[in-house]
């Protein structure tokens, strides 16, 4: 039984989801990865072609992990920016309330 196509599909989903920053699809693919690989492994030793496909899967997984890390870093930078500008946003909101005749709470 050649499992290469199945392994290649797993790699393609990881690469696609990571490349498009589709975090929902990536989470689902990663969650399903171990059970699917275990099911494939139950069919006996890996052939040379299958081991090569597994290496490509590993590379796709590493790429997806790097995409996640980059996305997390961007999100953290945005959160830091919002936190650092919190006082300015609050002052701006308060000034807007005072200009419209509202009293601060």
C-alpha atoms as a PDB file:
ATOM      1  CA  UNK A   1       0.000   0.000   0.000  1.00  0.00           C
ATOM      2  CA  UNK A   2       1.514   3.324  -1.085  1.00  0.00           C
ATOM      3  CA  UNK A   3       0.585   6.007   1.429  1.00  0.00           C
ATOM      4  CA  UNK A   4       2.513   8.771  -0.317  1.00  0.00           C
ATOM      5  CA  UNK A   5      -0.559  10.553  -1.703  1.00  0.00           C
ATOM      6  CA  UNK A   6      -2.205  10.635   1.728  1.00  0.00           C
ATOM      7  CA  UNK A   7       0.931  12.080   3.291  1.00  0.00           C
ATOM      8  CA  UNK A   8       1.270  14.635   0.485  1.00  0.00           C
ATOM      9  CA  UNK A   9      -2.338  15.751   1.067  1.00  0.00           C
ATOM     10  CA  UNK A  10      -1.621  16.285   4.755  1.00  0.00           C
ATOM     11  CA  UNK A  11       1.427  18.380   3.852  1.00  0.00           C
ATOM     12  CA  UNK A  12      -0.541  20.388   1.287  1.00  0.00           C
ATOM     13  CA  UNK A  13      -3.243  21.282   3.807  1.00  0.00           C
ATOM     14  CA  UNK A  14      -0.654  22.425   6.352  1.00  0.00           C
ATOM     15  CA  UNK A  15       1.236  24.469   3.764  1.00  0.00           C
ATOM     16  CA  UNK A  16      -1.944  26.035   2.372  1.00  0.00           C
ATOM     17  CA  UNK A  17      -3.450  26.905   5.750  1.00  0.00           C
ATOM     18  CA  UNK A  18      -0.173  28.323   7.058  1.00  0.00           C
ATOM     19  CA  UNK A  19       0.454  30.280   3.882  1.00  0.00           C
ATOM     20  CA  UNK A  20      -3.014  31.839   3.939  1.00  0.00           C
ATOM     21  CA  UNK A  21      -2.957  32.377   7.734  1.00  0.00           C
ATOM     22  CA  UNK A  22      -6.151  30.317   7.949  1.00  0.00           C
ATOM     23  CA  UNK A  23      -5.809  29.584  11.653  1.00  0.00           C
ATOM     24  CA  UNK A  24      -9.059  27.605  11.894  1.00  0.00           C
ATOM     25  CA  UNK A  25      -8.060  25.239   9.093  1.00  0.00           C
ATOM     26  CA  UNK A  26      -4.533  24.975  10.450  1.00  0.00           C
ATOM     27  CA  UNK A  27      -5.791  24.087  13.924  1.00  0.00           C
ATOM     28  CA  UNK A  28      -8.032  21.396  12.490  1.00  0.00           C
ATOM     29  CA  UNK A  29      -5.259  19.977  10.293  1.00  0.00           C
ATOM     30  CA  UNK A  30      -2.755  19.841  13.143  1.00  0.00           C
ATOM     31  CA  UNK A  31      -5.309  18.268  15.487  1.00  0.00           C
ATOM     32  CA  UNK A  32      -6.016  15.536  12.944  1.00  0.00           C
ATOM     33  CA  UNK A  33      -2.374  14.989  11.996  1.00  0.00           C
ATOM     34  CA  UNK A  34      -1.306  12.512  14.700  1.00  0.00           C
ATOM     35  CA  UNK A  35      -4.344  10.202  14.428  1.00  0.00           C
ATOM     36  CA  UNK A  36      -4.081  10.137  10.645  1.00  0.00           C
ATOM     37  CA  UNK A  37      -0.366   9.371  10.730  1.00  0.00           C
ATOM     38  CA  UNK A  38      -0.947   6.640  13.300  1.00  0.00           C
ATOM     39  CA  UNK A  39      -3.574   5.078  11.056  1.00  0.00           C
ATOM     40  CA  UNK A  40      -1.197   5.187   8.095  1.00  0.00           C
ATOM     41  CA  UNK A  41       1.668   3.770  10.165  1.00  0.00           C
ATOM     42  CA  UNK A  42      -0.485   0.808  11.136  1.00  0.00           C
ATOM     43  CA  UNK A  43      -0.115  -0.516   7.585  1.00  0.00           C
ATOM     44  CA  UNK A  44       3.500  -1.536   8.046  1.00  0.00           C
ATOM     45  CA  UNK A  45       6.957  -0.136   7.393  1.00  0.00           C
ATOM     46  CA  UNK A  46       7.369   3.027   5.352  1.00  0.00           C
ATOM     47  CA  UNK A  47       8.762   2.781   1.813  1.00  0.00           C
ATOM     48  CA  UNK A  48      11.517   5.130   0.619  1.00  0.00           C
ATOM     49  CA  UNK A  49       8.950   7.256  -1.245  1.00  0.00           C
ATOM     50  CA  UNK A  50       6.752   7.417   1.846  1.00  0.00           C
ATOM     51  CA  UNK A  51       9.704   8.433   4.049  1.00  0.00           C
ATOM     52  CA  UNK A  52      10.481  11.219   1.572  1.00  0.00           C
ATOM     53  CA  UNK A  53       6.834  12.327   1.722  1.00  0.00           C
ATOM     54  CA  UNK A  54       7.019  12.261   5.521  1.00  0.00           C
ATOM     55  CA  UNK A  55      10.055  14.542   5.349  1.00  0.00           C
ATOM     56  CA  UNK A  56       8.095  16.955   3.151  1.00  0.00           C
ATOM     57  CA  UNK A  57       5.252  16.760   5.681  1.00  0.00           C
ATOM     58  CA  UNK A  58       7.710  17.637   8.450  1.00  0.00           C
ATOM     59  CA  UNK A  59       8.890  20.627   6.407  1.00  0.00           C
ATOM     60  CA  UNK A  60       5.287  21.736   5.825  1.00  0.00           C
ATOM     61  CA  UNK A  61       4.593  21.390   9.551  1.00  0.00           C
ATOM     62  CA  UNK A  62       7.657  23.490  10.397  1.00  0.00           C
ATOM     63  CA  UNK A  63       6.525  26.107   7.889  1.00  0.00           C
ATOM     64  CA  UNK A  64       3.061  26.197   9.425  1.00  0.00           C
ATOM     65  CA  UNK A  65       4.583  26.543  12.890  1.00  0.00           C
ATOM     66  CA  UNK A  66       6.708  29.451  11.621  1.00  0.00           C
ATOM     67  CA  UNK A  67       3.591  31.079  10.140  1.00  0.00           C
ATOM     68  CA  UNK A  68       1.850  30.719  13.507  1.00  0.00           C
ATOM     69  CA  UNK A  69       4.813  32.266  15.306  1.00  0.00           C
ATOM     70  CA  UNK A  70       4.882  35.166  12.844  1.00  0.00           C
ATOM     71  CA  UNK A  71       1.122  35.685  13.211  1.00  0.00           C
ATOM     72  CA  UNK A  72       1.414  35.592  16.994  1.00  0.00           C
ATOM     73  CA  UNK A  73       4.246  38.135  16.883  1.00  0.00           C
ATOM     74  CA  UNK A  74       2.161  40.489  14.727  1.00  0.00           C
ATOM     75  CA  UNK A  75      -0.789  40.114  17.074  1.00  0.00           C
ATOM     76  CA  UNK A  76       1.428  40.740  20.097  1.00  0.00           C
ATOM     77  CA  UNK A  77       2.856  43.863  18.468  1.00  0.00           C
ATOM     78  CA  UNK A  78      -0.671  45.154  17.803  1.00  0.00           C
ATOM     79  CA  UNK A  79      -1.746  44.422  21.378  1.00  0.00           C
ATOM     80  CA  UNK A  80       1.372  46.164  22.700  1.00  0.00           C
ATOM     81  CA  UNK A  81       0.599  49.168  20.504  1.00  0.00           C
ATOM     82  CA  UNK A  82      -2.952  49.324  21.801  1.00  0.00           C
ATOM     83  CA  UNK A  83      -1.766  48.981  25.381  1.00  0.00           C
ATOM     84  CA  UNK A  84       0.898  51.663  24.962  1.00  0.00           C
ATOM     85  CA  UNK A  85      -1.655  54.069  23.475  1.00  0.00           C
ATOM     86  CA  UNK A  86      -4.397  53.286  25.986  1.00  0.00           C
ATOM     87  CA  UNK A  87      -4.092  56.597  27.818  1.00  0.00           C
ATOM     88  CA  UNK A  88      -4.254  58.513  24.559  1.00  0.00           C
ATOM     89  CA  UNK A  89      -7.362  56.643  23.435  1.00  0.00           C
ATOM     90  CA  UNK A  90      -9.015  57.254  26.798  1.00  0.00           C
ATOM     91  CA  UNK A  91      -8.159  60.976  26.699  1.00  0.00           C
ATOM     92  CA  UNK A  92      -9.470  61.215  23.147  1.00  0.00           C
ATOM     93  CA  UNK A  93     -12.728  59.508  24.161  1.00  0.00           C
ATOM     94  CA  UNK A  94     -13.078  61.710  27.223  1.00  0.00           C
ATOM     95  CA  UNK A  95     -12.475  64.860  25.166  1.00  0.00           C
ATOM     96  CA  UNK A  96     -15.141  63.756  22.714  1.00  0.00           C
ATOM     97  CA  UNK A  97     -17.622  63.249  25.536  1.00  0.00           C
ATOM     98  CA  UNK A  98     -16.884  66.686  26.965  1.00  0.00           C
ATOM     99  CA  UNK A  99     -17.269  68.363  23.563  1.00  0.00           C
ATOM    100  CA  UNK A 100     -20.673  66.794  23.045  1.00  0.00           C
ATOM    101  CA  UNK A 101     -21.883  68.067  26.424  1.00  0.00           C
ATOM    102  CA  UNK A 102     -21.790  64.731  28.185  1.00  0.00           C
ATOM    103  CA  UNK A 103     -20.332  64.525  31.647  1.00  0.00           C
ATOM    104  CA  UNK A 104     -17.591  61.993  32.350  1.00  0.00           C
ATOM    105  CA  UNK A 105     -18.578  59.011  34.416  1.00  0.00           C
END
